[in-house]
Amino acid sequence: MPVNADKPHLWKPDIALSVDFYNNWFMQFAPKAYRDTRIVTTQQVKSALAETANLSNITSALLRQHPEVLPILRMAAAPPIARDRLIGLAGVSPNLVKNMEEKQRIPPRADIATLDAELTKISQIIARLLDKDIFPWLESGQQPTETEVQRAATIVADRFAVLFTAFELVKLMEADCDLINRPVPIPENHPLYSNQCHHQERAIIVQARRWIARGCDKKVRIVG
Protein backbone atom coordinates (compact mmCIF):
# COMPACT_ATOMS: atom_id res chain seq x y z
CA MET A 1 0.00 0.00 0.00
CA PRO A 2 1.28 3.53 -0.73
CA VAL A 3 2.93 5.17 2.23
CA ASN A 4 0.46 7.99 2.91
CA ALA A 5 -2.61 7.27 0.81
CA ASP A 6 -4.43 6.24 3.99
CA LYS A 7 -3.04 9.01 6.23
CA PRO A 8 -4.99 12.16 5.40
CA HIS A 9 -3.83 13.75 8.66
CA LEU A 10 -0.45 14.21 6.97
CA TRP A 11 -1.88 16.12 4.01
CA LYS A 12 -2.56 19.47 5.71
CA PRO A 13 1.13 20.41 6.24
CA ASP A 14 1.87 19.61 2.61
CA ILE A 15 -1.02 21.75 1.41
CA ALA A 16 0.09 24.61 3.66
CA LEU A 17 3.60 24.44 2.23
CA SER A 18 2.20 24.49 -1.30
CA VAL A 19 0.14 27.60 -0.56
CA ASP A 20 3.16 29.30 1.04
CA PHE A 21 5.28 28.46 -1.99
CA TYR A 22 2.73 29.98 -4.36
CA ASN A 23 2.34 33.09 -2.20
CA ASN A 24 6.09 33.64 -2.15
CA TRP A 25 6.28 33.35 -5.93
CA PHE A 26 3.37 35.76 -6.25
CA MET A 27 4.91 38.42 -4.03
CA GLN A 28 8.27 38.15 -5.76
CA PHE A 29 7.20 38.24 -9.41
CA ALA A 30 3.60 39.44 -9.74
CA PRO A 31 4.10 43.23 -9.35
CA LYS A 32 6.70 43.52 -12.11
CA ALA A 33 4.89 41.12 -14.44
CA TYR A 34 1.67 43.08 -13.90
CA ARG A 35 3.24 46.48 -14.58
CA ASP A 36 5.14 45.30 -17.65
CA THR A 37 2.04 43.67 -19.10
CA ARG A 38 -0.15 46.70 -18.45
CA ILE A 39 2.26 49.08 -20.18
CA VAL A 40 2.49 46.97 -23.31
CA THR A 41 -1.20 46.08 -23.41
CA THR A 42 -2.38 49.66 -22.93
CA GLN A 43 -0.75 50.58 -26.22
CA GLN A 44 -2.31 47.56 -27.91
CA VAL A 45 -5.74 48.56 -26.63
CA LYS A 46 -5.26 52.12 -27.86
CA SER A 47 -4.33 50.75 -31.29
CA ALA A 48 -7.45 48.58 -31.30
CA LEU A 49 -9.59 51.58 -30.37
CA ALA A 50 -8.09 53.54 -33.27
CA GLU A 51 -8.67 50.68 -35.72
CA THR A 52 -12.31 50.34 -34.66
CA ALA A 53 -13.00 54.09 -34.60
CA ASN A 54 -13.25 53.92 -30.81
CA LEU A 55 -15.45 50.81 -31.00
CA SER A 56 -18.03 52.46 -33.26
CA ASN A 57 -16.98 50.37 -36.26
CA ILE A 58 -16.97 46.72 -35.22
CA THR A 59 -17.94 44.96 -38.43
CA SER A 60 -17.14 41.74 -40.23
CA ALA A 61 -14.93 43.70 -42.62
CA LEU A 62 -13.00 45.21 -39.71
CA LEU A 63 -12.51 41.81 -38.06
CA ARG A 64 -11.34 40.32 -41.33
CA GLN A 65 -8.81 43.11 -41.78
CA HIS A 66 -7.70 43.20 -38.13
CA PRO A 67 -8.32 39.77 -36.55
CA GLU A 68 -5.78 40.58 -33.85
CA VAL A 69 -8.22 42.95 -32.11
CA LEU A 70 -10.58 40.15 -31.07
CA PRO A 71 -9.00 39.39 -27.66
CA ILE A 72 -9.12 43.09 -26.81
CA LEU A 73 -12.75 43.31 -27.84
CA ARG A 74 -13.56 40.38 -25.56
CA MET A 75 -11.96 42.20 -22.63
CA ALA A 76 -13.89 45.37 -23.51
CA ALA A 77 -17.20 43.67 -22.78
CA ALA A 78 -19.22 43.73 -19.57
CA PRO A 79 -18.52 41.20 -18.29
CA PRO A 80 -15.32 40.30 -20.14
CA ILE A 81 -16.01 37.33 -22.38
CA ALA A 82 -13.94 34.16 -22.28
CA ARG A 83 -12.97 32.77 -25.66
CA ASP A 84 -15.15 29.66 -25.33
CA ARG A 85 -18.07 31.77 -24.13
CA LEU A 86 -17.81 33.99 -27.21
CA ILE A 87 -17.76 30.92 -29.44
CA GLY A 88 -20.89 29.63 -27.74
CA LEU A 89 -22.76 32.93 -27.69
CA ALA A 90 -22.03 33.67 -31.35
CA GLY A 91 -22.39 30.07 -32.49
CA VAL A 92 -19.23 30.23 -34.59
CA SER A 93 -16.42 27.86 -35.43
CA PRO A 94 -13.80 27.43 -32.68
CA ASN A 95 -11.19 27.21 -35.43
CA LEU A 96 -12.06 30.70 -36.64
CA VAL A 97 -11.67 32.27 -33.21
CA LYS A 98 -8.51 30.29 -32.47
CA ASN A 99 -6.90 31.47 -35.71
CA MET A 100 -7.86 35.06 -35.06
CA GLU A 101 -6.51 35.08 -31.52
CA GLU A 102 -3.50 32.80 -31.68
CA LYS A 103 -2.29 33.38 -35.24
CA GLN A 104 -3.77 36.86 -35.86
CA ARG A 105 -5.25 35.69 -39.12
CA ILE A 106 -8.39 34.48 -40.82
CA PRO A 107 -8.32 30.74 -41.60
CA PRO A 108 -6.82 30.63 -45.10
CA ARG A 109 -9.30 28.15 -46.51
CA ALA A 110 -12.41 29.67 -44.99
CA ASP A 111 -15.51 29.83 -47.15
CA ILE A 112 -16.15 33.52 -47.80
CA ALA A 113 -19.90 33.43 -47.24
CA THR A 114 -19.59 31.39 -44.05
CA LEU A 115 -16.74 33.60 -42.85
CA ASP A 116 -18.73 36.80 -43.33
CA ALA A 117 -21.71 35.33 -41.53
CA GLU A 118 -19.64 34.20 -38.55
CA LEU A 119 -17.68 37.45 -38.30
CA THR A 120 -20.97 39.33 -38.36
CA LYS A 121 -22.28 37.24 -35.46
CA ILE A 122 -19.09 37.88 -33.50
CA SER A 123 -19.31 41.62 -34.12
CA GLN A 124 -22.95 41.69 -33.03
CA ILE A 125 -22.21 39.90 -29.76
CA ILE A 126 -19.28 42.19 -29.01
CA ALA A 127 -21.24 45.35 -29.84
CA ARG A 128 -24.11 44.25 -27.63
CA LEU A 129 -21.88 43.53 -24.62
CA LEU A 130 -19.43 46.45 -24.77
CA ASP A 131 -18.88 48.02 -21.36
CA LYS A 132 -20.50 51.42 -21.79
CA ASP A 133 -19.35 52.52 -18.36
CA ILE A 134 -15.79 52.34 -19.67
CA PHE A 135 -16.70 53.73 -23.10
CA PRO A 136 -19.32 56.41 -22.28
CA TRP A 137 -19.10 57.94 -25.75
CA LEU A 138 -20.91 54.92 -27.16
CA GLU A 139 -24.10 56.16 -25.48
CA SER A 140 -23.55 59.90 -25.68
CA GLY A 141 -22.61 59.81 -29.36
CA GLN A 142 -19.85 62.34 -28.74
CA GLN A 143 -16.23 62.00 -29.75
CA PRO A 144 -14.16 60.75 -26.81
CA THR A 145 -11.46 62.94 -25.39
CA GLU A 146 -7.86 61.77 -25.23
CA THR A 147 -8.26 61.42 -21.46
CA GLU A 148 -11.31 59.19 -21.89
CA VAL A 149 -9.49 57.02 -24.43
CA GLN A 150 -6.44 56.69 -22.18
CA ARG A 151 -8.59 55.84 -19.17
CA ALA A 152 -10.56 53.23 -21.09
CA ALA A 153 -7.41 51.69 -22.54
CA THR A 154 -5.86 51.41 -19.09
CA ILE A 155 -8.94 49.71 -17.65
CA VAL A 156 -9.06 47.14 -20.42
CA ALA A 157 -5.31 46.63 -20.16
CA ASP A 158 -5.73 45.98 -16.44
CA ARG A 159 -8.10 43.15 -17.26
CA PHE A 160 -5.47 41.64 -19.53
CA ALA A 161 -2.72 42.23 -17.02
CA VAL A 162 -4.47 40.18 -14.36
CA LEU A 163 -4.74 37.22 -16.73
CA PHE A 164 -1.28 37.44 -18.22
CA THR A 165 0.36 37.99 -14.86
CA ALA A 166 -1.11 34.66 -13.76
CA PHE A 167 0.24 32.99 -16.90
CA GLU A 168 3.68 34.52 -16.37
CA LEU A 169 3.74 33.26 -12.80
CA VAL A 170 2.85 29.79 -14.01
CA LYS A 171 5.72 29.87 -16.51
CA LEU A 172 8.15 31.05 -13.86
CA MET A 173 7.07 28.29 -11.53
CA GLU A 174 7.32 25.71 -14.31
CA ALA A 175 10.84 26.82 -15.14
CA ASP A 176 11.86 25.83 -11.62
CA CYS A 177 10.10 22.49 -11.68
CA ASP A 178 11.06 19.30 -13.49
CA LEU A 179 7.66 17.63 -13.15
CA ILE A 180 5.83 19.34 -15.98
CA ASN A 181 4.36 16.88 -18.50
CA ARG A 182 5.51 13.90 -16.45
CA PRO A 183 3.26 11.46 -14.62
CA VAL A 184 2.69 12.83 -11.13
CA PRO A 185 1.42 10.48 -8.40
CA ILE A 186 -1.42 11.94 -6.33
CA PRO A 187 -3.87 9.83 -4.31
CA GLU A 188 -7.41 9.87 -5.66
CA ASN A 189 -8.89 10.90 -2.32
CA HIS A 190 -6.42 13.76 -1.87
CA PRO A 191 -8.10 17.21 -1.91
CA LEU A 192 -5.91 18.31 -4.83
CA TYR A 193 -6.83 15.34 -7.01
CA SER A 194 -9.51 15.71 -9.66
CA ASN A 195 -9.94 15.10 -13.35
CA GLN A 196 -9.56 18.84 -13.77
CA CYS A 197 -6.42 19.13 -11.68
CA HIS A 198 -4.55 20.90 -14.48
CA HIS A 199 -6.82 23.90 -13.90
CA GLN A 200 -5.74 24.22 -10.27
CA GLU A 201 -3.12 26.74 -9.20
CA ARG A 202 0.31 25.40 -9.95
CA ALA A 203 1.06 25.03 -6.26
CA ILE A 204 -0.01 21.46 -7.00
CA ILE A 205 3.41 20.98 -8.59
CA VAL A 206 5.12 21.38 -5.24
CA GLN A 207 2.54 19.14 -3.63
CA ALA A 208 3.22 16.50 -6.26
CA ARG A 209 6.93 16.55 -5.55
CA ARG A 210 6.26 15.71 -1.94
CA TRP A 211 3.84 12.92 -2.87
CA ILE A 212 6.41 11.33 -5.16
CA ALA A 213 8.83 11.11 -2.23
CA ARG A 214 6.17 9.57 -0.01
CA GLY A 215 4.83 7.10 -2.54
CA CYS A 216 1.31 7.16 -3.98
CA ASP A 217 -0.31 4.99 -6.58
CA LYS A 218 -2.74 7.30 -8.39
CA LYS A 219 -1.14 8.97 -11.38
CA VAL A 220 -2.32 12.06 -13.19
CA ARG A 221 -0.56 14.34 -15.62
CA ILE A 222 -0.01 18.03 -15.04
CA VAL A 223 -0.36 19.81 -18.36
CA GLY A 224 -0.35 23.41 -19.54
C-alpha atoms as a PDB file:
ATOM      1  CA  MET A   1       0.000   0.000   0.000  1.00  0.00           C
ATOM      2  CA  PRO A   2       1.281   3.534  -0.732  1.00  0.00           C
ATOM      3  CA  VAL A   3       2.929   5.173   2.234  1.00  0.00           C
ATOM      4  CA  ASN A   4       0.462   7.991   2.909  1.00  0.00           C
ATOM      5  CA  ALA A   5      -2.608   7.265   0.815  1.00  0.00           C
ATOM      6  CA  ASP A   6      -4.430   6.235   3.994  1.00  0.00           C
ATOM      7  CA  LYS A   7      -3.039   9.010   6.228  1.00  0.00           C
ATOM      8  CA  PRO A   8      -4.992  12.163   5.405  1.00  0.00           C
ATOM      9  CA  HIS A   9      -3.835  13.753   8.663  1.00  0.00           C
ATOM     10  CA  LEU A  10      -0.454  14.211   6.975  1.00  0.00           C
ATOM     11  CA  TRP A  11      -1.877  16.119   4.009  1.00  0.00           C
ATOM     12  CA  LYS A  12      -2.557  19.466   5.707  1.00  0.00           C
ATOM     13  CA  PRO A  13       1.128  20.411   6.239  1.00  0.00           C
ATOM     14  CA  ASP A  14       1.865  19.606   2.609  1.00  0.00           C
ATOM     15  CA  ILE A  15      -1.022  21.749   1.410  1.00  0.00           C
ATOM     16  CA  ALA A  16       0.093  24.611   3.655  1.00  0.00           C
ATOM     17  CA  LEU A  17       3.604  24.436   2.227  1.00  0.00           C
ATOM     18  CA  SER A  18       2.202  24.491  -1.304  1.00  0.00           C
ATOM     19  CA  VAL A  19       0.144  27.603  -0.562  1.00  0.00           C
ATOM     20  CA  ASP A  20       3.161  29.300   1.037  1.00  0.00           C
ATOM     21  CA  PHE A  21       5.279  28.462  -1.986  1.00  0.00           C
ATOM     22  CA  TYR A  22       2.734  29.979  -4.357  1.00  0.00           C
ATOM     23  CA  ASN A  23       2.345  33.090  -2.198  1.00  0.00           C
ATOM     24  CA  ASN A  24       6.093  33.635  -2.150  1.00  0.00           C
ATOM     25  CA  TRP A  25       6.277  33.353  -5.928  1.00  0.00           C
ATOM     26  CA  PHE A  26       3.373  35.763  -6.253  1.00  0.00           C
ATOM     27  CA  MET A  27       4.911  38.417  -4.028  1.00  0.00           C
ATOM     28  CA  GLN A  28       8.266  38.150  -5.764  1.00  0.00           C
ATOM     29  CA  PHE A  29       7.200  38.235  -9.406  1.00  0.00           C
ATOM     30  CA  ALA A  30       3.596  39.443  -9.740  1.00  0.00           C
ATOM     31  CA  PRO A  31       4.101  43.232  -9.353  1.00  0.00           C
ATOM     32  CA  LYS A  32       6.703  43.523 -12.112  1.00  0.00           C
ATOM     33  CA  ALA A  33       4.885  41.118 -14.442  1.00  0.00           C
ATOM     34  CA  TYR A  34       1.675  43.079 -13.904  1.00  0.00           C
ATOM     35  CA  ARG A  35       3.241  46.481 -14.578  1.00  0.00           C
ATOM     36  CA  ASP A  36       5.138  45.295 -17.645  1.00  0.00           C
ATOM     37  CA  THR A  37       2.038  43.665 -19.102  1.00  0.00           C
ATOM     38  CA  ARG A  38      -0.155  46.696 -18.448  1.00  0.00           C
ATOM     39  CA  ILE A  39       2.260  49.079 -20.175  1.00  0.00           C
ATOM     40  CA  VAL A  40       2.491  46.968 -23.310  1.00  0.00           C
ATOM     41  CA  THR A  41      -1.201  46.075 -23.410  1.00  0.00           C
ATOM     42  CA  THR A  42      -2.379  49.661 -22.928  1.00  0.00           C
ATOM     43  CA  GLN A  43      -0.747  50.577 -26.223  1.00  0.00           C
ATOM     44  CA  GLN A  44      -2.312  47.562 -27.905  1.00  0.00           C
ATOM     45  CA  VAL A  45      -5.737  48.558 -26.632  1.00  0.00           C
ATOM     46  CA  LYS A  46      -5.263  52.122 -27.862  1.00  0.00           C
ATOM     47  CA  SER A  47      -4.329  50.752 -31.291  1.00  0.00           C
ATOM     48  CA  ALA A  48      -7.445  48.578 -31.304  1.00  0.00           C
ATOM     49  CA  LEU A  49      -9.587  51.576 -30.373  1.00  0.00           C
ATOM     50  CA  ALA A  50      -8.087  53.536 -33.266  1.00  0.00           C
ATOM     51  CA  GLU A  51      -8.665  50.675 -35.716  1.00  0.00           C
ATOM     52  CA  THR A  52     -12.309  50.339 -34.659  1.00  0.00           C
ATOM     53  CA  ALA A  53     -13.001  54.089 -34.598  1.00  0.00           C
ATOM     54  CA  ASN A  54     -13.246  53.917 -30.806  1.00  0.00           C
ATOM     55  CA  LEU A  55     -15.454  50.807 -30.997  1.00  0.00           C
ATOM     56  CA  SER A  56     -18.026  52.462 -33.258  1.00  0.00           C
ATOM     57  CA  ASN A  57     -16.985  50.365 -36.256  1.00  0.00           C
ATOM     58  CA  ILE A  58     -16.973  46.722 -35.220  1.00  0.00           C
ATOM     59  CA  THR A  59     -17.940  44.965 -38.432  1.00  0.00           C
ATOM     60  CA  SER A  60     -17.145  41.742 -40.230  1.00  0.00           C
ATOM     61  CA  ALA A  61     -14.933  43.697 -42.620  1.00  0.00           C
ATOM     62  CA  LEU A  62     -12.996  45.209 -39.709  1.00  0.00           C
ATOM     63  CA  LEU A  63     -12.511  41.811 -38.058  1.00  0.00           C
ATOM     64  CA  ARG A  64     -11.341  40.325 -41.329  1.00  0.00           C
ATOM     65  CA  GLN A  65      -8.808  43.111 -41.777  1.00  0.00           C
ATOM     66  CA  HIS A  66      -7.704  43.195 -38.129  1.00  0.00           C
ATOM     67  CA  PRO A  67      -8.318  39.766 -36.554  1.00  0.00           C
ATOM     68  CA  GLU A  68      -5.778  40.578 -33.849  1.00  0.00           C
ATOM     69  CA  VAL A  69      -8.223  42.948 -32.110  1.00  0.00           C
ATOM     70  CA  LEU A  70     -10.576  40.149 -31.073  1.00  0.00           C
ATOM     71  CA  PRO A  71      -8.996  39.391 -27.657  1.00  0.00           C
ATOM     72  CA  ILE A  72      -9.123  43.088 -26.810  1.00  0.00           C
ATOM     73  CA  LEU A  73     -12.754  43.315 -27.841  1.00  0.00           C
ATOM     74  CA  ARG A  74     -13.556  40.383 -25.561  1.00  0.00           C
ATOM     75  CA  MET A  75     -11.963  42.200 -22.626  1.00  0.00           C
ATOM     76  CA  ALA A  76     -13.886  45.374 -23.513  1.00  0.00           C
ATOM     77  CA  ALA A  77     -17.204  43.672 -22.780  1.00  0.00           C
ATOM     78  CA  ALA A  78     -19.224  43.727 -19.574  1.00  0.00           C
ATOM     79  CA  PRO A  79     -18.517  41.198 -18.287  1.00  0.00           C
ATOM     80  CA  PRO A  80     -15.318  40.296 -20.144  1.00  0.00           C
ATOM     81  CA  ILE A  81     -16.008  37.326 -22.381  1.00  0.00           C
ATOM     82  CA  ALA A  82     -13.945  34.155 -22.276  1.00  0.00           C
ATOM     83  CA  ARG A  83     -12.974  32.767 -25.656  1.00  0.00           C
ATOM     84  CA  ASP A  84     -15.149  29.665 -25.325  1.00  0.00           C
ATOM     85  CA  ARG A  85     -18.074  31.769 -24.130  1.00  0.00           C
ATOM     86  CA  LEU A  86     -17.808  33.991 -27.212  1.00  0.00           C
ATOM     87  CA  ILE A  87     -17.757  30.923 -29.443  1.00  0.00           C
ATOM     88  CA  GLY A  88     -20.888  29.626 -27.743  1.00  0.00           C
ATOM     89  CA  LEU A  89     -22.763  32.930 -27.693  1.00  0.00           C
ATOM     90  CA  ALA A  90     -22.029  33.666 -31.346  1.00  0.00           C
ATOM     91  CA  GLY A  91     -22.394  30.066 -32.488  1.00  0.00           C
ATOM     92  CA  VAL A  92     -19.235  30.226 -34.587  1.00  0.00           C
ATOM     93  CA  SER A  93     -16.416  27.864 -35.431  1.00  0.00           C
ATOM     94  CA  PRO A  94     -13.800  27.430 -32.680  1.00  0.00           C
ATOM     95  CA  ASN A  95     -11.188  27.210 -35.431  1.00  0.00           C
ATOM     96  CA  LEU A  96     -12.064  30.702 -36.640  1.00  0.00           C
ATOM     97  CA  VAL A  97     -11.667  32.272 -33.209  1.00  0.00           C
ATOM     98  CA  LYS A  98      -8.512  30.291 -32.471  1.00  0.00           C
ATOM     99  CA  ASN A  99      -6.896  31.465 -35.711  1.00  0.00           C
ATOM    100  CA  MET A 100      -7.860  35.064 -35.061  1.00  0.00           C
ATOM    101  CA  GLU A 101      -6.510  35.076 -31.524  1.00  0.00           C
ATOM    102  CA  GLU A 102      -3.501  32.799 -31.682  1.00  0.00           C
ATOM    103  CA  LYS A 103      -2.293  33.379 -35.245  1.00  0.00           C
ATOM    104  CA  GLN A 104      -3.770  36.856 -35.857  1.00  0.00           C
ATOM    105  CA  ARG A 105      -5.247  35.694 -39.121  1.00  0.00           C
ATOM    106  CA  ILE A 106      -8.390  34.483 -40.816  1.00  0.00           C
ATOM    107  CA  PRO A 107      -8.316  30.737 -41.596  1.00  0.00           C
ATOM    108  CA  PRO A 108      -6.816  30.634 -45.103  1.00  0.00           C
ATOM    109  CA  ARG A 109      -9.304  28.145 -46.508  1.00  0.00           C
ATOM    110  CA  ALA A 110     -12.412  29.672 -44.988  1.00  0.00           C
ATOM    111  CA  ASP A 111     -15.507  29.834 -47.152  1.00  0.00           C
ATOM    112  CA  ILE A 112     -16.149  33.524 -47.803  1.00  0.00           C
ATOM    113  CA  ALA A 113     -19.900  33.432 -47.243  1.00  0.00           C
ATOM    114  CA  THR A 114     -19.591  31.390 -44.049  1.00  0.00           C
ATOM    115  CA  LEU A 115     -16.741  33.597 -42.854  1.00  0.00           C
ATOM    116  CA  ASP A 116     -18.730  36.805 -43.334  1.00  0.00           C
ATOM    117  CA  ALA A 117     -21.713  35.330 -41.534  1.00  0.00           C
ATOM    118  CA  GLU A 118     -19.637  34.196 -38.554  1.00  0.00           C
ATOM    119  CA  LEU A 119     -17.681  37.450 -38.298  1.00  0.00           C
ATOM    120  CA  THR A 120     -20.972  39.333 -38.358  1.00  0.00           C
ATOM    121  CA  LYS A 121     -22.276  37.241 -35.464  1.00  0.00           C
ATOM    122  CA  ILE A 122     -19.093  37.883 -33.499  1.00  0.00           C
ATOM    123  CA  SER A 123     -19.306  41.620 -34.115  1.00  0.00           C
ATOM    124  CA  GLN A 124     -22.952  41.688 -33.031  1.00  0.00           C
ATOM    125  CA  ILE A 125     -22.210  39.897 -29.760  1.00  0.00           C
ATOM    126  CA  ILE A 126     -19.276  42.191 -29.011  1.00  0.00           C
ATOM    127  CA  ALA A 127     -21.242  45.348 -29.837  1.00  0.00           C
ATOM    128  CA  ARG A 128     -24.107  44.249 -27.626  1.00  0.00           C
ATOM    129  CA  LEU A 129     -21.881  43.533 -24.616  1.00  0.00           C
ATOM    130  CA  LEU A 130     -19.431  46.455 -24.771  1.00  0.00           C
ATOM    131  CA  ASP A 131     -18.882  48.020 -21.358  1.00  0.00           C
ATOM    132  CA  LYS A 132     -20.502  51.416 -21.786  1.00  0.00           C
ATOM    133  CA  ASP A 133     -19.348  52.522 -18.356  1.00  0.00           C
ATOM    134  CA  ILE A 134     -15.789  52.338 -19.672  1.00  0.00           C
ATOM    135  CA  PHE A 135     -16.697  53.731 -23.098  1.00  0.00           C
ATOM    136  CA  PRO A 136     -19.322  56.407 -22.282  1.00  0.00           C
ATOM    137  CA  TRP A 137     -19.099  57.939 -25.745  1.00  0.00           C
ATOM    138  CA  LEU A 138     -20.915  54.915 -27.163  1.00  0.00           C
ATOM    139  CA  GLU A 139     -24.105  56.156 -25.482  1.00  0.00           C
ATOM    140  CA  SER A 140     -23.548  59.897 -25.681  1.00  0.00           C
ATOM    141  CA  GLY A 141     -22.614  59.813 -29.355  1.00  0.00           C
ATOM    142  CA  GLN A 142     -19.849  62.340 -28.739  1.00  0.00           C
ATOM    143  CA  GLN A 143     -16.226  61.997 -29.750  1.00  0.00           C
ATOM    144  CA  PRO A 144     -14.163  60.754 -26.811  1.00  0.00           C
ATOM    145  CA  THR A 145     -11.459  62.942 -25.387  1.00  0.00           C
ATOM    146  CA  GLU A 146      -7.861  61.769 -25.226  1.00  0.00           C
ATOM    147  CA  THR A 147      -8.260  61.424 -21.464  1.00  0.00           C
ATOM    148  CA  GLU A 148     -11.306  59.189 -21.890  1.00  0.00           C
ATOM    149  CA  VAL A 149      -9.490  57.016 -24.427  1.00  0.00           C
ATOM    150  CA  GLN A 150      -6.442  56.694 -22.178  1.00  0.00           C
ATOM    151  CA  ARG A 151      -8.588  55.842 -19.166  1.00  0.00           C
ATOM    152  CA  ALA A 152     -10.558  53.226 -21.093  1.00  0.00           C
ATOM    153  CA  ALA A 153      -7.407  51.691 -22.541  1.00  0.00           C
ATOM    154  CA  THR A 154      -5.863  51.414 -19.087  1.00  0.00           C
ATOM    155  CA  ILE A 155      -8.942  49.712 -17.648  1.00  0.00           C
ATOM    156  CA  VAL A 156      -9.063  47.136 -20.423  1.00  0.00           C
ATOM    157  CA  ALA A 157      -5.308  46.633 -20.160  1.00  0.00           C
ATOM    158  CA  ASP A 158      -5.728  45.982 -16.435  1.00  0.00           C
ATOM    159  CA  ARG A 159      -8.105  43.154 -17.259  1.00  0.00           C
ATOM    160  CA  PHE A 160      -5.475  41.637 -19.526  1.00  0.00           C
ATOM    161  CA  ALA A 161      -2.722  42.234 -17.021  1.00  0.00           C
ATOM    162  CA  VAL A 162      -4.471  40.179 -14.365  1.00  0.00           C
ATOM    163  CA  LEU A 163      -4.742  37.217 -16.733  1.00  0.00           C
ATOM    164  CA  PHE A 164      -1.275  37.438 -18.218  1.00  0.00           C
ATOM    165  CA  THR A 165       0.358  37.985 -14.860  1.00  0.00           C
ATOM    166  CA  ALA A 166      -1.114  34.661 -13.761  1.00  0.00           C
ATOM    167  CA  PHE A 167       0.238  32.992 -16.902  1.00  0.00           C
ATOM    168  CA  GLU A 168       3.679  34.521 -16.368  1.00  0.00           C
ATOM    169  CA  LEU A 169       3.743  33.259 -12.796  1.00  0.00           C
ATOM    170  CA  VAL A 170       2.846  29.794 -14.006  1.00  0.00           C
ATOM    171  CA  LYS A 171       5.716  29.868 -16.506  1.00  0.00           C
ATOM    172  CA  LEU A 172       8.151  31.055 -13.859  1.00  0.00           C
ATOM    173  CA  MET A 173       7.073  28.286 -11.530  1.00  0.00           C
ATOM    174  CA  GLU A 174       7.315  25.712 -14.314  1.00  0.00           C
ATOM    175  CA  ALA A 175      10.845  26.821 -15.140  1.00  0.00           C
ATOM    176  CA  ASP A 176      11.856  25.833 -11.623  1.00  0.00           C
ATOM    177  CA  CYS A 177      10.100  22.486 -11.678  1.00  0.00           C
ATOM    178  CA  ASP A 178      11.059  19.297 -13.490  1.00  0.00           C
ATOM    179  CA  LEU A 179       7.660  17.635 -13.152  1.00  0.00           C
ATOM    180  CA  ILE A 180       5.827  19.336 -15.980  1.00  0.00           C
ATOM    181  CA  ASN A 181       4.361  16.881 -18.499  1.00  0.00           C
ATOM    182  CA  ARG A 182       5.512  13.898 -16.455  1.00  0.00           C
ATOM    183  CA  PRO A 183       3.259  11.459 -14.624  1.00  0.00           C
ATOM    184  CA  VAL A 184       2.694  12.826 -11.133  1.00  0.00           C
ATOM    185  CA  PRO A 185       1.421  10.484  -8.400  1.00  0.00           C
ATOM    186  CA  ILE A 186      -1.420  11.940  -6.332  1.00  0.00           C
ATOM    187  CA  PRO A 187      -3.868   9.830  -4.307  1.00  0.00           C
ATOM    188  CA  GLU A 188      -7.405   9.871  -5.661  1.00  0.00           C
ATOM    189  CA  ASN A 189      -8.888  10.905  -2.316  1.00  0.00           C
ATOM    190  CA  HIS A 190      -6.420  13.760  -1.874  1.00  0.00           C
ATOM    191  CA  PRO A 191      -8.099  17.215  -1.911  1.00  0.00           C
ATOM    192  CA  LEU A 192      -5.912  18.306  -4.832  1.00  0.00           C
ATOM    193  CA  TYR A 193      -6.830  15.340  -7.012  1.00  0.00           C
ATOM    194  CA  SER A 194      -9.513  15.706  -9.663  1.00  0.00           C
ATOM    195  CA  ASN A 195      -9.944  15.096 -13.352  1.00  0.00           C
ATOM    196  CA  GLN A 196      -9.564  18.837 -13.775  1.00  0.00           C
ATOM    197  CA  CYS A 197      -6.421  19.129 -11.684  1.00  0.00           C
ATOM    198  CA  HIS A 198      -4.547  20.898 -14.478  1.00  0.00           C
ATOM    199  CA  HIS A 199      -6.816  23.901 -13.896  1.00  0.00           C
ATOM    200  CA  GLN A 200      -5.736  24.222 -10.266  1.00  0.00           C
ATOM    201  CA  GLU A 201      -3.122  26.737  -9.196  1.00  0.00           C
ATOM    202  CA  ARG A 202       0.315  25.396  -9.952  1.00  0.00           C
ATOM    203  CA  ALA A 203       1.059  25.028  -6.263  1.00  0.00           C
ATOM    204  CA  ILE A 204      -0.009  21.458  -7.003  1.00  0.00           C
ATOM    205  CA  ILE A 205       3.411  20.984  -8.591  1.00  0.00           C
ATOM    206  CA  VAL A 206       5.118  21.382  -5.245  1.00  0.00           C
ATOM    207  CA  GLN A 207       2.545  19.136  -3.633  1.00  0.00           C
ATOM    208  CA  ALA A 208       3.218  16.499  -6.265  1.00  0.00           C
ATOM    209  CA  ARG A 209       6.930  16.551  -5.549  1.00  0.00           C
ATOM    210  CA  ARG A 210       6.259  15.706  -1.944  1.00  0.00           C
ATOM    211  CA  TRP A 211       3.838  12.917  -2.866  1.00  0.00           C
ATOM    212  CA  ILE A 212       6.407  11.333  -5.156  1.00  0.00           C
ATOM    213  CA  ALA A 213       8.827  11.115  -2.234  1.00  0.00           C
ATOM    214  CA  ARG A 214       6.172   9.568  -0.010  1.00  0.00           C
ATOM    215  CA  GLY A 215       4.833   7.104  -2.536  1.00  0.00           C
ATOM    216  CA  CYS A 216       1.313   7.164  -3.979  1.00  0.00           C
ATOM    217  CA  ASP A 217      -0.312   4.989  -6.582  1.00  0.00           C
ATOM    218  CA  LYS A 218      -2.739   7.297  -8.391  1.00  0.00           C
ATOM    219  CA  LYS A 219      -1.140   8.970 -11.384  1.00  0.00           C
ATOM    220  CA  VAL A 220      -2.320  12.057 -13.187  1.00  0.00           C
ATOM    221  CA  ARG A 221      -0.564  14.340 -15.616  1.00  0.00           C
ATOM    222  CA  ILE A 222      -0.008  18.030 -15.042  1.00  0.00           C
ATOM    223  CA  VAL A 223      -0.364  19.805 -18.357  1.00  0.00           C
ATOM    224  CA  GLY A 224      -0.351  23.414 -19.539  1.00  0.00           C
END
